C-alpha cells in the first residue's frame, strides 16, 4: 500500500546513533559529577600559553593577515587538484595535460596579480 513503507534498513543506524549519543552525554555528565571543584583567583585568570596576557583581549588583527590566509587557501587548491591529475596522467593523455596547463596558467595570472598589488608585502 502507498504510504505504509517503514524503512527498517535504517533501524541499525538509529540504534548506533542512540548508543553514541548516550555514551557522549554519559561521559559529559560523569565528568561534571566526578571532577574536582576548587576554583581560586589565579586558576580563573586567562593565560596565553602559560604567560600572563598582554594587552586587551579584543585586539584587532591587520587585514593583511586575512589576505595572506585566503591567498594560501586559494593557491593551495592547486596542489589538491594536481595530485589526482598526476595519478591519472597516463589515462588523460594530451587533453589532460593541456587542461592542467590552462589551470596552472590561470593560477599564475592570479598569483602575478596579487604580487603586483603588494599582497605579499608584510609591513
PDB file of N, CA and C in Angstrom:
ATOM      1  N   UNK A   1       0.822  -1.186   0.000  1.00  0.00           N
ATOM      2  CA  UNK A   1       0.000   0.000   0.000  1.00  0.00           C
ATOM      3  C   UNK A   1       0.866   1.250   0.000  1.00  0.00           C
ATOM      4  N   UNK A   2       0.458   2.266  -0.720  1.00  0.00           N
ATOM      5  CA  UNK A   2       1.226   3.513  -0.696  1.00  0.00           C
ATOM      6  C   UNK A   2       1.117   4.195   0.664  1.00  0.00           C
ATOM      7  N   UNK A   3       2.255   4.709   1.125  1.00  0.00           N
ATOM      8  CA  UNK A   3       2.277   5.460   2.367  1.00  0.00           C
ATOM      9  C   UNK A   3       2.494   4.620   3.608  1.00  0.00           C
ATOM     10  N   UNK A   4       2.638   3.291   3.471  1.00  0.00           N
ATOM     11  CA  UNK A   4       2.839   2.445   4.646  1.00  0.00           C
ATOM     12  C   UNK A   4       4.251   1.878   4.710  1.00  0.00           C
ATOM     13  N   UNK A   5       5.138   2.374   3.879  1.00  0.00           N
ATOM     14  CA  UNK A   5       6.510   1.858   3.848  1.00  0.00           C
ATOM     15  C   UNK A   5       7.265   2.329   5.083  1.00  0.00           C
ATOM     16  N   UNK A   6       7.823   1.411   5.838  1.00  0.00           N
ATOM     17  CA  UNK A   6       8.643   1.723   7.004  1.00  0.00           C
ATOM     18  C   UNK A   6      10.073   1.290   6.682  1.00  0.00           C
ATOM     19  N   UNK A   7      11.009   2.215   6.662  1.00  0.00           N
ATOM     20  CA  UNK A   7      12.391   1.861   6.279  1.00  0.00           C
ATOM     21  C   UNK A   7      13.113   1.120   7.413  1.00  0.00           C
ATOM     22  N   UNK A   8      12.965  -0.192   7.463  1.00  0.00           N
ATOM     23  CA  UNK A   8      13.589  -0.994   8.516  1.00  0.00           C
ATOM     24  C   UNK A   8      15.089  -1.144   8.319  1.00  0.00           C
ATOM     25  N   UNK A   9      15.588  -0.840   7.131  1.00  0.00           N
ATOM     26  CA  UNK A   9      17.025  -0.943   6.885  1.00  0.00           C
ATOM     27  C   UNK A   9      17.808   0.104   7.673  1.00  0.00           C
ATOM     28  N   UNK A  10      17.151   1.177   8.066  1.00  0.00           N
ATOM     29  CA  UNK A  10      17.834   2.245   8.792  1.00  0.00           C
ATOM     30  C   UNK A  10      17.764   2.067  10.309  1.00  0.00           C
ATOM     31  N   UNK A  11      17.097   1.025  10.783  1.00  0.00           N
ATOM     32  CA  UNK A  11      16.989   0.807  12.228  1.00  0.00           C
ATOM     33  C   UNK A  11      18.355   0.612  12.896  1.00  0.00           C
ATOM     34  N   UNK A  12      19.283  -0.169  12.333  1.00  0.00           N
ATOM     35  CA  UNK A  12      20.606  -0.287  12.966  1.00  0.00           C
ATOM     36  C   UNK A  12      21.349   1.055  13.051  1.00  0.00           C
ATOM     37  N   UNK A  13      21.167   1.898  12.054  1.00  0.00           N
ATOM     38  CA  UNK A  13      21.796   3.221  12.088  1.00  0.00           C
ATOM     39  C   UNK A  13      21.225   4.040  13.241  1.00  0.00           C
ATOM     40  N   UNK A  14      19.920   3.970  13.438  1.00  0.00           N
ATOM     41  CA  UNK A  14      19.282   4.672  14.549  1.00  0.00           C
ATOM     42  C   UNK A  14      19.782   4.161  15.894  1.00  0.00           C
ATOM     43  N   UNK A  15      19.937   2.847  16.019  1.00  0.00           N
ATOM     44  CA  UNK A  15      20.429   2.270  17.269  1.00  0.00           C
ATOM     45  C   UNK A  15      21.849   2.736  17.552  1.00  0.00           C
ATOM     46  N   UNK A  16      22.713   2.719  16.555  1.00  0.00           N
ATOM     47  CA  UNK A  16      24.096   3.177  16.736  1.00  0.00           C
ATOM     48  C   UNK A  16      24.124   4.656  17.093  1.00  0.00           C
ATOM     49  N   UNK A  17      23.278   5.451  16.455  1.00  0.00           N
ATOM     50  CA  UNK A  17      23.208   6.879  16.762  1.00  0.00           C
ATOM     51  C   UNK A  17      22.778   7.111  18.201  1.00  0.00           C
ATOM     52  N   UNK A  18      21.798   6.367  18.669  1.00  0.00           N
ATOM     53  CA  UNK A  18      21.343   6.497  20.057  1.00  0.00           C
ATOM     54  C   UNK A  18      22.421   6.056  21.047  1.00  0.00           C
ATOM     55  N   UNK A  19      23.101   4.965  20.755  1.00  0.00           N
ATOM     56  CA  UNK A  19      24.169   4.489  21.645  1.00  0.00           C
ATOM     57  C   UNK A  19      25.313   5.493  21.693  1.00  0.00           C
ATOM     58  N   UNK A  20      25.710   6.025  20.546  1.00  0.00           N
ATOM     59  CA  UNK A  20      26.798   7.007  20.510  1.00  0.00           C
ATOM     60  C   UNK A  20      26.416   8.272  21.269  1.00  0.00           C
ATOM     61  N   UNK A  21      25.179   8.714  21.115  1.00  0.00           N
ATOM     62  CA  UNK A  21      24.719   9.899  21.847  1.00  0.00           C
ATOM     63  C   UNK A  21      24.698   9.643  23.345  1.00  0.00           C
ATOM     64  N   UNK A  22      24.265   8.469  23.759  1.00  0.00           N
ATOM     65  CA  UNK A  22      24.232   8.132  25.184  1.00  0.00           C
ATOM     66  C   UNK A  22      25.644   8.077  25.763  1.00  0.00           C
ATOM     67  N   UNK A  23      26.582   7.518  25.024  1.00  0.00           N
ATOM     68  CA  UNK A  23      27.964   7.464  25.511  1.00  0.00           C
ATOM     69  C   UNK A  23      28.535   8.866  25.632  1.00  0.00           C
ATOM     70  N   UNK A  24      28.299   9.720  24.639  1.00  0.00           N
ATOM     71  CA  UNK A  24      28.809  11.092  24.685  1.00  0.00           C
ATOM     72  C   UNK A  24      28.219  11.883  25.837  1.00  0.00           C
ATOM     73  N   UNK A  25      26.907  11.838  25.976  1.00  0.00           N
ATOM     74  CA  UNK A  25      26.259  12.554  27.082  1.00  0.00           C
ATOM     75  C   UNK A  25      26.650  11.961  28.431  1.00  0.00           C
ATOM     76  N   UNK A  26      26.786  10.644  28.493  1.00  0.00           N
ATOM     77  CA  UNK A  26      27.202   9.997  29.734  1.00  0.00           C
ATOM     78  C   UNK A  26      28.600  10.428  30.152  1.00  0.00           C
ATOM     79  N   UNK A  27      29.504  10.548  29.203  1.00  0.00           N
ATOM     80  CA  UNK A  27      30.865  10.999  29.518  1.00  0.00           C
ATOM     81  C   UNK A  27      30.862  12.435  30.020  1.00  0.00           C
ATOM     82  N   UNK A  28      30.043  13.285  29.421  1.00  0.00           N
ATOM     83  CA  UNK A  28      29.963  14.677  29.880  1.00  0.00           C
ATOM     84  C   UNK A  28      29.394  14.767  31.289  1.00  0.00           C
ATOM     85  N   UNK A  29      28.329  14.025  31.556  1.00  0.00           N
ATOM     86  CA  UNK A  29      27.715  14.052  32.886  1.00  0.00           C
ATOM     87  C   UNK A  29      28.668  13.460  33.922  1.00  0.00           C
ATOM     88  N   UNK A  30      29.343  12.376  33.579  1.00  0.00           N
ATOM     89  CA  UNK A  30      30.301  11.774  34.518  1.00  0.00           C
ATOM     90  C   UNK A  30      31.435  12.748  34.822  1.00  0.00           C
ATOM     91  N   UNK A  31      31.899  13.484  33.837  1.00  0.00           N
ATOM     92  CA  UNK A  31      32.947  14.472  34.060  1.00  0.00           C
ATOM     93  C   UNK A  31      32.498  15.584  34.983  1.00  0.00           C
ATOM     94  N   UNK A  32      31.259  16.020  34.821  1.00  0.00           N
ATOM     95  CA  UNK A  32      30.726  17.075  35.690  1.00  0.00           C
ATOM     96  C   UNK A  32      30.594  16.578  37.123  1.00  0.00           C
ATOM     97  N   UNK A  33      30.164  15.344  37.294  1.00  0.00           N
ATOM     98  CA  UNK A  33      29.954  14.806  38.635  1.00  0.00           C
ATOM     99  C   UNK A  33      31.250  14.443  39.352  1.00  0.00           C
ATOM    100  N   UNK A  34      32.266  14.016  38.645  1.00  0.00           N
ATOM    101  CA  UNK A  34      33.476  13.473  39.259  1.00  0.00           C
ATOM    102  C   UNK A  34      34.589  14.508  39.409  1.00  0.00           C
ATOM    103  N   UNK A  35      34.665  15.484  38.553  1.00  0.00           N
ATOM    104  CA  UNK A  35      35.807  16.405  38.556  1.00  0.00           C
ATOM    105  C   UNK A  35      35.876  17.207  39.855  1.00  0.00           C
ATOM    106  N   UNK A  36      37.086  17.559  40.271  1.00  0.00           N
ATOM    107  CA  UNK A  36      37.229  18.381  41.476  1.00  0.00           C
ATOM    108  C   UNK A  36      36.849  19.832  41.184  1.00  0.00           C
ATOM    109  N   UNK A  37      36.220  20.465  42.179  1.00  0.00           N
ATOM    110  CA  UNK A  37      35.822  21.868  42.025  1.00  0.00           C
ATOM    111  C   UNK A  37      36.567  22.684  43.066  1.00  0.00           C
ATOM    112  N   UNK A  38      37.697  23.239  42.681  1.00  0.00           N
ATOM    113  CA  UNK A  38      38.475  24.083  43.580  1.00  0.00           C
ATOM    114  C   UNK A  38      38.876  25.374  42.865  1.00  0.00           C
ATOM    115  N   UNK A  39      37.916  26.251  42.571  1.00  0.00           N
ATOM    116  CA  UNK A  39      38.278  27.493  41.875  1.00  0.00           C
ATOM    117  C   UNK A  39      38.980  28.473  42.818  1.00  0.00           C
ATOM    118  N   UNK A  40      39.994  29.160  42.303  1.00  0.00           N
ATOM    119  CA  UNK A  40      40.649  30.240  43.026  1.00  0.00           C
ATOM    120  C   UNK A  40      41.090  31.273  41.998  1.00  0.00           C
ATOM    121  N   UNK A  41      41.469  32.443  42.464  1.00  0.00           N
ATOM    122  CA  UNK A  41      41.681  33.596  41.580  1.00  0.00           C
ATOM    123  C   UNK A  41      42.718  33.315  40.498  1.00  0.00           C
ATOM    124  N   UNK A  42      43.843  32.739  40.860  1.00  0.00           N
ATOM    125  CA  UNK A  42      44.893  32.504  39.868  1.00  0.00           C
ATOM    126  C   UNK A  42      44.449  31.471  38.827  1.00  0.00           C
ATOM    127  N   UNK A  43      43.679  30.503  39.245  1.00  0.00           N
ATOM    128  CA  UNK A  43      43.206  29.483  38.321  1.00  0.00           C
ATOM    129  C   UNK A  43      42.187  30.040  37.335  1.00  0.00           C
ATOM    130  N   UNK A  44      41.430  31.028  37.752  1.00  0.00           N
ATOM    131  CA  UNK A  44      40.383  31.588  36.910  1.00  0.00           C
ATOM    132  C   UNK A  44      40.856  32.711  35.999  1.00  0.00           C
ATOM    133  N   UNK A  45      42.115  33.150  36.109  1.00  0.00           N
ATOM    134  CA  UNK A  45      42.611  34.217  35.240  1.00  0.00           C
ATOM    135  C   UNK A  45      42.958  33.651  33.865  1.00  0.00           C
ATOM    136  N   UNK A  46      42.741  34.419  32.814  1.00  0.00           N
ATOM    137  CA  UNK A  46      43.105  33.937  31.474  1.00  0.00           C
ATOM    138  C   UNK A  46      44.620  33.903  31.299  1.00  0.00           C
ATOM    139  N   UNK A  47      45.084  33.046  30.411  1.00  0.00           N
ATOM    140  CA  UNK A  47      46.515  32.956  30.136  1.00  0.00           C
ATOM    141  C   UNK A  47      46.719  32.667  28.656  1.00  0.00           C
ATOM    142  N   UNK A  48      47.910  32.966  28.185  1.00  0.00           N
ATOM    143  CA  UNK A  48      48.285  32.701  26.801  1.00  0.00           C
ATOM    144  C   UNK A  48      49.529  31.831  26.820  1.00  0.00           C
ATOM    145  N   UNK A  49      49.365  30.568  26.604  1.00  0.00           N
ATOM    146  CA  UNK A  49      50.456  29.602  26.592  1.00  0.00           C
ATOM    147  C   UNK A  49      51.250  29.653  27.892  1.00  0.00           C
ATOM    148  N   UNK A  50      50.588  29.810  29.012  1.00  0.00           N
ATOM    149  CA  UNK A  50      51.247  29.825  30.303  1.00  0.00           C
ATOM    150  C   UNK A  50      51.786  31.174  30.710  1.00  0.00           C
ATOM    151  N   UNK A  51      51.698  32.161  29.854  1.00  0.00           N
ATOM    152  CA  UNK A  51      52.184  33.504  30.168  1.00  0.00           C
ATOM    153  C   UNK A  51      51.005  34.412  30.501  1.00  0.00           C
ATOM    154  N   UNK A  52      51.230  35.399  31.358  1.00  0.00           N
ATOM    155  CA  UNK A  52      50.137  36.339  31.619  1.00  0.00           C
ATOM    156  C   UNK A  52      49.786  37.114  30.358  1.00  0.00           C
ATOM    157  N   UNK A  53      48.515  37.394  30.127  1.00  0.00           N
ATOM    158  CA  UNK A  53      48.119  38.105  28.898  1.00  0.00           C
ATOM    159  C   UNK A  53      48.648  39.530  28.880  1.00  0.00           C
ATOM    160  N   UNK A  54      48.986  39.981  27.687  1.00  0.00           N
ATOM    161  CA  UNK A  54      49.491  41.334  27.482  1.00  0.00           C
ATOM    162  C   UNK A  54      48.510  42.060  26.577  1.00  0.00           C
ATOM    163  N   UNK A  55      48.025  43.195  26.997  1.00  0.00           N
ATOM    164  CA  UNK A  55      47.118  43.987  26.175  1.00  0.00           C
ATOM    165  C   UNK A  55      45.673  43.550  26.318  1.00  0.00           C
ATOM    166  N   UNK A  56      44.853  44.145  25.487  1.00  0.00           N
ATOM    167  CA  UNK A  56      43.419  43.879  25.511  1.00  0.00           C
ATOM    168  C   UNK A  56      43.121  42.526  24.861  1.00  0.00           C
ATOM    169  N   UNK A  57      42.104  41.816  25.341  1.00  0.00           N
ATOM    170  CA  UNK A  57      41.759  40.531  24.718  1.00  0.00           C
ATOM    171  C   UNK A  57      41.098  40.698  23.351  1.00  0.00           C
ATOM    172  N   UNK A  58      40.529  41.838  23.075  1.00  0.00           N
ATOM    173  CA  UNK A  58      39.849  42.065  21.793  1.00  0.00           C
ATOM    174  C   UNK A  58      40.673  42.972  20.894  1.00  0.00           C
ATOM    175  N   UNK A  59      41.917  42.602  20.644  1.00  0.00           N
ATOM    176  CA  UNK A  59      42.742  43.400  19.754  1.00  0.00           C
ATOM    177  C   UNK A  59      42.406  43.062  18.302  1.00  0.00           C
ATOM    178  N   UNK A  60      42.571  44.032  17.425  1.00  0.00           N
ATOM    179  CA  UNK A  60      42.259  43.831  16.019  1.00  0.00           C
ATOM    180  C   UNK A  60      43.496  43.351  15.275  1.00  0.00           C
ATOM    181  N   UNK A  61      43.275  42.420  14.360  1.00  0.00           N
ATOM    182  CA  UNK A  61      44.343  41.935  13.514  1.00  0.00           C
ATOM    183  C   UNK A  61      44.384  42.766  12.246  1.00  0.00           C
ATOM    184  N   UNK A  62      45.544  42.831  11.673  1.00  0.00           N
ATOM    185  CA  UNK A  62      45.695  43.531  10.403  1.00  0.00           C
ATOM    186  C   UNK A  62      44.958  42.763   9.310  1.00  0.00           C
ATOM    187  N   UNK A  63      44.422  43.485   8.355  1.00  0.00           N
ATOM    188  CA  UNK A  63      43.724  42.856   7.234  1.00  0.00           C
ATOM    189  C   UNK A  63      44.702  42.015   6.416  1.00  0.00           C
ATOM    190  N   UNK A  64      45.981  42.374   6.428  1.00  0.00           N
ATOM    191  CA  UNK A  64      46.992  41.604   5.690  1.00  0.00           C
ATOM    192  C   UNK A  64      47.017  40.144   6.142  1.00  0.00           C
ATOM    193  N   UNK A  65      46.797  39.930   7.447  1.00  0.00           N
ATOM    194  CA  UNK A  65      46.794  38.560   7.967  1.00  0.00           C
ATOM    195  C   UNK A  65      45.725  37.733   7.263  1.00  0.00           C
ATOM    196  N   UNK A  66      44.532  38.271   7.129  1.00  0.00           N
ATOM    197  CA  UNK A  66      43.438  37.546   6.496  1.00  0.00           C
ATOM    198  C   UNK A  66      43.664  37.389   4.988  1.00  0.00           C
ATOM    199  N   UNK A  67      44.246  38.396   4.373  1.00  0.00           N
ATOM    200  CA  UNK A  67      44.529  38.301   2.934  1.00  0.00           C
ATOM    201  C   UNK A  67      45.524  37.192   2.656  1.00  0.00           C
ATOM    202  N   UNK A  68      46.591  37.127   3.461  1.00  0.00           N
ATOM    203  CA  UNK A  68      47.587  36.066   3.279  1.00  0.00           C
ATOM    204  C   UNK A  68      46.944  34.699   3.514  1.00  0.00           C
ATOM    205  N   UNK A  69      46.089  34.593   4.518  1.00  0.00           N
ATOM    206  CA  UNK A  69      45.423  33.311   4.798  1.00  0.00           C
ATOM    207  C   UNK A  69      44.541  32.889   3.628  1.00  0.00           C
ATOM    208  N   UNK A  70      43.779  33.830   3.068  1.00  0.00           N
ATOM    209  CA  UNK A  70      42.917  33.492   1.936  1.00  0.00           C
ATOM    210  C   UNK A  70      43.746  33.131   0.705  1.00  0.00           C
ATOM    211  N   UNK A  71      44.840  33.848   0.482  1.00  0.00           N
ATOM    212  CA  UNK A  71      45.687  33.524  -0.665  1.00  0.00           C
ATOM    213  C   UNK A  71      46.313  32.145  -0.501  1.00  0.00           C
ATOM    214  N   UNK A  72      46.691  31.800   0.721  1.00  0.00           N
ATOM    215  CA  UNK A  72      47.234  30.461   0.951  1.00  0.00           C
ATOM    216  C   UNK A  72      46.205  29.397   0.585  1.00  0.00           C
ATOM    217  N   UNK A  73      44.973  29.583   1.003  1.00  0.00           N
ATOM    218  CA  UNK A  73      43.930  28.604   0.708  1.00  0.00           C
ATOM    219  C   UNK A  73      43.693  28.521  -0.799  1.00  0.00           C
ATOM    220  N   UNK A  74      43.622  29.664  -1.450  1.00  0.00           N
ATOM    221  CA  UNK A  74      43.356  29.671  -2.895  1.00  0.00           C
ATOM    222  C   UNK A  74      44.469  28.968  -3.665  1.00  0.00           C
ATOM    223  N   UNK A  75      45.717  29.280  -3.348  1.00  0.00           N
ATOM    224  CA  UNK A  75      46.814  28.677  -4.100  1.00  0.00           C
ATOM    225  C   UNK A  75      47.123  27.263  -3.623  1.00  0.00           C
ATOM    226  N   UNK A  76      46.644  26.884  -2.454  1.00  0.00           N
ATOM    227  CA  UNK A  76      46.813  25.513  -2.001  1.00  0.00           C
ATOM    228  C   UNK A  76      45.885  24.576  -2.753  1.00  0.00           C
ATOM    229  N   UNK A  77      44.799  25.100  -3.288  1.00  0.00           N
ATOM    230  CA  UNK A  77      43.891  24.289  -4.102  1.00  0.00           C
ATOM    231  C   UNK A  77      44.626  23.729  -5.312  1.00  0.00           C
ATOM    232  N   UNK A  78      45.609  24.454  -5.784  1.00  0.00           N
ATOM    233  CA  UNK A  78      46.398  23.984  -6.922  1.00  0.00           C
ATOM    234  C   UNK A  78      47.002  22.617  -6.628  1.00  0.00           C
ATOM    235  N   UNK A  79      47.581  22.459  -5.459  1.00  0.00           N
ATOM    236  CA  UNK A  79      48.191  21.183  -5.105  1.00  0.00           C
ATOM    237  C   UNK A  79      47.141  20.087  -4.967  1.00  0.00           C
ATOM    238  N   UNK A  80      45.954  20.437  -4.475  1.00  0.00           N
ATOM    239  CA  UNK A  80      44.887  19.446  -4.312  1.00  0.00           C
ATOM    240  C   UNK A  80      44.432  18.932  -5.678  1.00  0.00           C
ATOM    241  N   UNK A  81      44.377  19.797  -6.664  1.00  0.00           N
ATOM    242  CA  UNK A  81      43.947  19.374  -7.995  1.00  0.00           C
ATOM    243  C   UNK A  81      45.075  18.719  -8.787  1.00  0.00           C
ATOM    244  N   UNK A  82      46.302  19.007  -8.439  1.00  0.00           N
ATOM    245  CA  UNK A  82      47.413  18.432  -9.201  1.00  0.00           C
ATOM    246  C   UNK A  82      47.664  16.966  -8.849  1.00  0.00           C
ATOM    247  N   UNK A  83      47.393  16.566  -7.624  1.00  0.00           N
ATOM    248  CA  UNK A  83      47.666  15.174  -7.239  1.00  0.00           C
ATOM    249  C   UNK A  83      46.836  14.161  -8.037  1.00  0.00           C
ATOM    250  N   UNK A  84      45.509  14.311  -8.097  1.00  0.00           N
ATOM    251  CA  UNK A  84      44.753  13.332  -8.905  1.00  0.00           C
ATOM    252  C   UNK A  84      45.117  13.407 -10.385  1.00  0.00           C
ATOM    253  N   UNK A  85      45.457  14.593 -10.840  1.00  0.00           N
ATOM    254  CA  UNK A  85      45.880  14.724 -12.240  1.00  0.00           C
ATOM    255  C   UNK A  85      47.155  13.933 -12.485  1.00  0.00           C
ATOM    256  N   UNK A  86      48.101  14.028 -11.557  1.00  0.00           N
ATOM    257  CA  UNK A  86      49.357  13.295 -11.709  1.00  0.00           C
ATOM    258  C   UNK A  86      49.138  11.785 -11.637  1.00  0.00           C
ATOM    259  N   UNK A  87      48.202  11.355 -10.800  1.00  0.00           N
ATOM    260  CA  UNK A  87      47.928   9.922 -10.671  1.00  0.00           C
ATOM    261  C   UNK A  87      47.294   9.382 -11.961  1.00  0.00           C
ATOM    262  N   UNK A  88      46.400  10.157 -12.551  1.00  0.00           N
ATOM    263  CA  UNK A  88      45.691   9.706 -13.756  1.00  0.00           C
ATOM    264  C   UNK A  88      46.291  10.274 -15.035  1.00  0.00           C
ATOM    265  N   UNK A  89      47.529  10.702 -14.995  1.00  0.00           N
ATOM    266  CA  UNK A  89      48.152  11.359 -16.159  1.00  0.00           C
ATOM    267  C   UNK A  89      48.183  10.442 -17.381  1.00  0.00           C
ATOM    268  N   UNK A  90      48.511   9.166 -17.185  1.00  0.00           N
ATOM    269  CA  UNK A  90      48.599   8.242 -18.327  1.00  0.00           C
ATOM    270  C   UNK A  90      47.255   8.063 -19.027  1.00  0.00           C
ATOM    271  N   UNK A  91      46.168   8.063 -18.261  1.00  0.00           N
ATOM    272  CA  UNK A  91      44.842   7.857 -18.842  1.00  0.00           C
ATOM    273  C   UNK A  91      44.308   9.116 -19.517  1.00  0.00           C
ATOM    274  N   UNK A  92      44.712  10.281 -19.039  1.00  0.00           N
ATOM    275  CA  UNK A  92      44.187  11.537 -19.579  1.00  0.00           C
ATOM    276  C   UNK A  92      44.836  11.930 -20.899  1.00  0.00           C
ATOM    277  N   UNK A  93      46.094  11.628 -21.038  1.00  0.00           N
ATOM    278  CA  UNK A  93      46.792  11.932 -22.275  1.00  0.00           C
ATOM    279  C   UNK A  93      47.025  13.417 -22.478  1.00  0.00           C
ATOM    280  N   UNK A  94      47.082  13.825 -23.739  1.00  0.00           N
ATOM    281  CA  UNK A  94      47.396  15.210 -24.084  1.00  0.00           C
ATOM    282  C   UNK A  94      46.278  16.154 -23.671  1.00  0.00           C
ATOM    283  N   UNK A  95      45.026  15.681 -23.697  1.00  0.00           N
ATOM    284  CA  UNK A  95      43.903  16.513 -23.272  1.00  0.00           C
ATOM    285  C   UNK A  95      44.050  16.906 -21.808  1.00  0.00           C
ATOM    286  N   UNK A  96      44.380  15.957 -20.952  1.00  0.00           N
ATOM    287  CA  UNK A  96      44.587  16.241 -19.536  1.00  0.00           C
ATOM    288  C   UNK A  96      45.766  17.178 -19.306  1.00  0.00           C
ATOM    289  N   UNK A  97      46.808  17.009 -20.098  1.00  0.00           N
ATOM    290  CA  UNK A  97      47.976  17.878 -19.976  1.00  0.00           C
ATOM    291  C   UNK A  97      47.620  19.321 -20.335  1.00  0.00           C
ATOM    292  N   UNK A  98      46.906  19.505 -21.432  1.00  0.00           N
ATOM    293  CA  UNK A  98      46.517  20.853 -21.860  1.00  0.00           C
ATOM    294  C   UNK A  98      45.580  21.485 -20.834  1.00  0.00           C
ATOM    295  N   UNK A  99      44.647  20.734 -20.315  1.00  0.00           N
ATOM    296  CA  UNK A  99      43.729  21.257 -19.302  1.00  0.00           C
ATOM    297  C   UNK A  99      44.473  21.691 -18.040  1.00  0.00           C
ATOM    298  N   UNK A 100      45.444  20.896 -17.603  1.00  0.00           N
ATOM    299  CA  UNK A 100      46.198  21.261 -16.394  1.00  0.00           C
ATOM    300  C   UNK A 100      47.077  22.479 -16.655  1.00  0.00           C
ATOM    301  N   UNK A 101      47.643  22.589 -17.832  1.00  0.00           N
ATOM    302  CA  UNK A 101      48.453  23.764 -18.140  1.00  0.00           C
ATOM    303  C   UNK A 101      47.575  25.020 -18.188  1.00  0.00           C
ATOM    304  N   UNK A 102      46.361  24.900 -18.685  1.00  0.00           N
ATOM    305  CA  UNK A 102      45.418  26.019 -18.678  1.00  0.00           C
ATOM    306  C   UNK A 102      45.079  26.413 -17.238  1.00  0.00           C
ATOM    307  N   UNK A 103      44.832  25.426 -16.404  1.00  0.00           N
ATOM    308  CA  UNK A 103      44.560  25.673 -14.987  1.00  0.00           C
ATOM    309  C   UNK A 103      45.750  26.360 -14.322  1.00  0.00           C
ATOM    310  N   UNK A 104      46.950  25.881 -14.576  1.00  0.00           N
ATOM    311  CA  UNK A 104      48.160  26.481 -13.990  1.00  0.00           C
ATOM    312  C   UNK A 104      48.361  27.906 -14.507  1.00  0.00           C
ATOM    313  N   UNK A 105      48.026  28.138 -15.774  1.00  0.00           N
ATOM    314  CA  UNK A 105      48.169  29.476 -16.337  1.00  0.00           C
ATOM    315  C   UNK A 105      47.211  30.460 -15.657  1.00  0.00           C
ATOM    316  N   UNK A 106      45.982  30.030 -15.425  1.00  0.00           N
ATOM    317  CA  UNK A 106      45.008  30.887 -14.732  1.00  0.00           C
ATOM    318  C   UNK A 106      45.488  31.191 -13.318  1.00  0.00           C
ATOM    319  N   UNK A 107      46.013  30.193 -12.624  1.00  0.00           N
ATOM    320  CA  UNK A 107      46.546  30.432 -11.275  1.00  0.00           C
ATOM    321  C   UNK A 107      47.763  31.345 -11.307  1.00  0.00           C
ATOM    322  N   UNK A 108      48.590  31.202 -12.327  1.00  0.00           N
ATOM    323  CA  UNK A 108      49.765  32.067 -12.458  1.00  0.00           C
ATOM    324  C   UNK A 108      49.345  33.519 -12.673  1.00  0.00           C
ATOM    325  N   UNK A 109      48.306  33.734 -13.461  1.00  0.00           N
ATOM    326  CA  UNK A 109      47.791  35.095 -13.663  1.00  0.00           C
ATOM    327  C   UNK A 109      47.302  35.672 -12.335  1.00  0.00           C
ATOM    328  N   UNK A 110      46.587  34.874 -11.553  1.00  0.00           N
ATOM    329  CA  UNK A 110      46.134  35.331 -10.240  1.00  0.00           C
ATOM    330  C   UNK A 110      47.296  35.612  -9.304  1.00  0.00           C
ATOM    331  N   UNK A 111      48.298  34.773  -9.331  1.00  0.00           N
ATOM    332  CA  UNK A 111      49.485  34.962  -8.490  1.00  0.00           C
ATOM    333  C   UNK A 111      50.206  36.254  -8.854  1.00  0.00           C
ATOM    334  N   UNK A 112      50.386  36.492 -10.134  1.00  0.00           N
ATOM    335  CA  UNK A 112      51.052  37.730 -10.575  1.00  0.00           C
ATOM    336  C   UNK A 112      50.219  38.948 -10.192  1.00  0.00           C
ATOM    337  N   UNK A 113      48.916  38.838 -10.311  1.00  0.00           N
ATOM    338  CA  UNK A 113      48.031  39.946  -9.951  1.00  0.00           C
ATOM    339  C   UNK A 113      48.184  40.326  -8.478  1.00  0.00           C
ATOM    340  N   UNK A 114      48.113  39.334  -7.581  1.00  0.00           N
ATOM    341  CA  UNK A 114      48.227  39.666  -6.156  1.00  0.00           C
ATOM    342  C   UNK A 114      49.643  40.092  -5.796  1.00  0.00           C
ATOM    343  N   UNK A 115      50.628  39.613  -6.525  1.00  0.00           N
ATOM    344  CA  UNK A 115      52.012  40.032  -6.287  1.00  0.00           C
ATOM    345  C   UNK A 115      52.178  41.511  -6.659  1.00  0.00           C
ATOM    346  N   UNK A 116      51.631  41.891  -7.811  1.00  0.00           N
ATOM    347  CA  UNK A 116      51.717  43.289  -8.248  1.00  0.00           C
ATOM    348  C   UNK A 116      50.924  44.222  -7.335  1.00  0.00           C
ATOM    349  N   UNK A 117      49.816  43.727  -6.769  1.00  0.00           N
ATOM    350  CA  UNK A 117      49.025  44.517  -5.835  1.00  0.00           C
ATOM    351  C   UNK A 117      49.717  44.696  -4.490  1.00  0.00           C
ATOM    352  N   UNK A 118      50.771  43.927  -4.225  1.00  0.00           N
ATOM    353  CA  UNK A 118      51.519  44.049  -2.980  1.00  0.00           C
ATOM    354  C   UNK A 118      50.939  43.258  -1.833  1.00  0.00           C
ATOM    355  N   UNK A 119      50.145  42.230  -2.141  1.00  0.00           N
ATOM    356  CA  UNK A 119      49.511  41.451  -1.071  1.00  0.00           C
ATOM    357  C   UNK A 119      50.526  40.600  -0.302  1.00  0.00           C
ATOM    358  N   UNK A 120      51.689  40.343  -0.892  1.00  0.00           N
ATOM    359  CA  UNK A 120      52.689  39.521  -0.204  1.00  0.00           C
ATOM    360  C   UNK A 120      53.662  40.349   0.634  1.00  0.00           C
ATOM    361  N   UNK A 121      53.568  41.674   0.566  1.00  0.00           N
ATOM    362  CA  UNK A 121      54.450  42.519   1.367  1.00  0.00           C
ATOM    363  C   UNK A 121      53.879  42.643   2.773  1.00  0.00           C
ATOM    364  N   UNK A 122      54.646  42.235   3.744  1.00  0.00           N
ATOM    365  CA  UNK A 122      54.198  42.258   5.157  1.00  0.00           C
ATOM    366  C   UNK A 122      54.862  43.427   5.848  1.00  0.00           C
ATOM    367  N   UNK A 123      54.157  44.530   5.911  1.00  0.00           N
ATOM    368  CA  UNK A 123      54.721  45.723   6.553  1.00  0.00           C
ATOM    369  C   UNK A 123      53.766  46.310   7.537  1.00  0.00           C
TER     370      UNK A 123
END
